[in-house]
Amino acid sequence: MPGRISMTKKQREALLALPETEAEILHHHTLSPQELDAVNQCRTPETRLA
C-alpha cells in the first residue's frame, strides 16, 4: 500500500476547506436521527461517563 496518495491542488484544497456557512457547519457537526438511534442502542449504564 502506498504511503501517500497523490492529489491535485484542487482536491487538497477541497479536502482541507473549512465550512463557510452556518448550514455547512451544522451539516458536518450534527448527528442525524439515524445516527442518534445507533448511539442510543449502544448506550448502557456501564458505558456512560456520568
N, C-alpha and C. Protein backbone atom coordinates (compact mmCIF):
# COMPACT_ATOMS: atom_id res chain seq x y z
N MET A 1 0.85 -1.17 0.00
CA MET A 1 0.00 0.00 0.00
C MET A 1 0.90 1.24 0.00
N PRO A 2 0.59 2.22 -0.86
CA PRO A 2 1.43 3.41 -0.90
C PRO A 2 1.31 4.22 0.39
N GLY A 3 2.42 4.85 0.77
CA GLY A 3 2.44 5.67 1.97
C GLY A 3 1.65 6.96 1.81
N ARG A 4 1.57 7.44 0.59
CA ARG A 4 0.84 8.68 0.33
C ARG A 4 -0.03 8.52 -0.91
N ILE A 5 -1.11 9.23 -0.92
CA ILE A 5 -1.99 9.23 -2.09
C ILE A 5 -1.82 10.59 -2.76
N SER A 6 -1.48 10.59 -4.05
CA SER A 6 -1.31 11.87 -4.71
C SER A 6 -2.65 12.52 -5.00
N MET A 7 -2.70 13.80 -4.74
CA MET A 7 -3.90 14.59 -5.00
C MET A 7 -3.51 15.83 -5.77
N THR A 8 -4.45 16.31 -6.53
CA THR A 8 -4.21 17.57 -7.21
C THR A 8 -4.37 18.70 -6.19
N LYS A 9 -3.92 19.87 -6.55
CA LYS A 9 -4.07 21.02 -5.65
C LYS A 9 -5.54 21.28 -5.36
N LYS A 10 -6.40 21.14 -6.37
CA LYS A 10 -7.83 21.37 -6.20
C LYS A 10 -8.43 20.36 -5.23
N GLN A 11 -8.04 19.08 -5.33
CA GLN A 11 -8.54 18.05 -4.42
C GLN A 11 -8.09 18.32 -2.99
N ARG A 12 -6.83 18.72 -2.81
CA ARG A 12 -6.31 19.01 -1.49
C ARG A 12 -7.04 20.19 -0.86
N GLU A 13 -7.28 21.24 -1.64
CA GLU A 13 -8.00 22.42 -1.13
C GLU A 13 -9.42 22.06 -0.73
N ALA A 14 -10.09 21.22 -1.51
CA ALA A 14 -11.46 20.81 -1.18
C ALA A 14 -11.49 19.98 0.10
N LEU A 15 -10.50 19.13 0.30
CA LEU A 15 -10.44 18.29 1.48
C LEU A 15 -10.20 19.12 2.74
N LEU A 16 -9.36 20.12 2.64
CA LEU A 16 -8.97 20.90 3.81
C LEU A 16 -9.79 22.17 4.02
N ALA A 17 -10.73 22.44 3.13
CA ALA A 17 -11.52 23.66 3.23
C ALA A 17 -12.42 23.62 4.47
N LEU A 18 -12.47 24.75 5.16
CA LEU A 18 -13.35 24.86 6.32
C LEU A 18 -14.75 25.26 5.86
N PRO A 19 -15.78 24.85 6.60
CA PRO A 19 -17.14 25.25 6.24
C PRO A 19 -17.27 26.77 6.29
N GLU A 20 -18.01 27.31 5.35
CA GLU A 20 -18.13 28.77 5.27
C GLU A 20 -19.47 29.28 5.76
N THR A 21 -20.48 28.45 5.75
CA THR A 21 -21.80 28.92 6.16
C THR A 21 -22.26 28.15 7.40
N GLU A 22 -23.23 28.70 8.08
CA GLU A 22 -23.77 28.03 9.26
C GLU A 22 -24.41 26.69 8.88
N ALA A 23 -25.04 26.63 7.72
CA ALA A 23 -25.67 25.38 7.27
C ALA A 23 -24.63 24.29 7.07
N GLU A 24 -23.47 24.64 6.50
CA GLU A 24 -22.41 23.65 6.31
C GLU A 24 -21.85 23.17 7.64
N ILE A 25 -21.71 24.08 8.59
CA ILE A 25 -21.21 23.71 9.91
C ILE A 25 -22.19 22.75 10.58
N LEU A 26 -23.48 23.06 10.54
CA LEU A 26 -24.49 22.19 11.14
C LEU A 26 -24.54 20.83 10.46
N HIS A 27 -24.39 20.82 9.16
CA HIS A 27 -24.42 19.56 8.40
C HIS A 27 -23.29 18.62 8.83
N HIS A 28 -22.11 19.17 9.05
CA HIS A 28 -20.94 18.35 9.35
C HIS A 28 -20.78 18.04 10.83
N HIS A 29 -21.44 18.79 11.71
CA HIS A 29 -21.21 18.63 13.14
C HIS A 29 -22.48 18.30 13.93
N THR A 30 -23.51 17.82 13.26
CA THR A 30 -24.75 17.44 13.92
C THR A 30 -25.08 16.00 13.54
N LEU A 31 -25.48 15.21 14.52
CA LEU A 31 -25.85 13.82 14.24
C LEU A 31 -27.28 13.76 13.70
N SER A 32 -27.48 12.88 12.74
CA SER A 32 -28.81 12.68 12.17
C SER A 32 -29.63 11.82 13.13
N PRO A 33 -30.94 11.78 12.96
CA PRO A 33 -31.77 10.92 13.82
C PRO A 33 -31.33 9.45 13.77
N GLN A 34 -30.92 8.98 12.60
CA GLN A 34 -30.46 7.59 12.48
C GLN A 34 -29.17 7.38 13.26
N GLU A 35 -28.27 8.35 13.21
CA GLU A 35 -27.02 8.25 13.95
C GLU A 35 -27.27 8.30 15.46
N LEU A 36 -28.19 9.14 15.89
CA LEU A 36 -28.54 9.20 17.32
C LEU A 36 -29.16 7.89 17.78
N ASP A 37 -29.99 7.26 16.95
CA ASP A 37 -30.57 5.96 17.30
C ASP A 37 -29.47 4.91 17.48
N ALA A 38 -28.49 4.92 16.58
CA ALA A 38 -27.38 3.96 16.67
C ALA A 38 -26.59 4.17 17.95
N VAL A 39 -26.34 5.42 18.31
CA VAL A 39 -25.63 5.72 19.56
C VAL A 39 -26.43 5.25 20.75
N ASN A 40 -27.72 5.54 20.76
CA ASN A 40 -28.56 5.18 21.91
C ASN A 40 -28.70 3.67 22.07
N GLN A 41 -28.61 2.91 20.99
CA GLN A 41 -28.68 1.45 21.09
C GLN A 41 -27.46 0.89 21.81
N CYS A 42 -26.33 1.59 21.69
CA CYS A 42 -25.09 1.11 22.30
C CYS A 42 -24.87 1.61 23.71
N ARG A 43 -25.68 2.56 24.15
CA ARG A 43 -25.50 3.13 25.48
C ARG A 43 -26.05 2.20 26.54
N THR A 44 -25.24 1.95 27.50
CA THR A 44 -25.65 1.16 28.66
C THR A 44 -25.12 1.88 29.91
N PRO A 45 -25.60 1.55 31.08
CA PRO A 45 -25.07 2.19 32.28
C PRO A 45 -23.55 2.01 32.41
N GLU A 46 -23.04 0.89 31.92
CA GLU A 46 -21.60 0.64 32.00
C GLU A 46 -20.77 1.52 31.09
N THR A 47 -21.38 2.00 29.97
CA THR A 47 -20.62 2.79 29.02
C THR A 47 -20.84 4.29 29.19
N ARG A 48 -21.65 4.69 30.13
CA ARG A 48 -21.88 6.13 30.38
C ARG A 48 -20.81 6.69 31.28
N LEU A 49 -20.39 7.91 31.00
CA LEU A 49 -19.37 8.55 31.83
C LEU A 49 -19.97 9.14 33.10
N ALA A 50 -21.18 9.63 32.99
CA ALA A 50 -21.78 10.24 34.17
C ALA A 50 -23.27 9.93 34.22
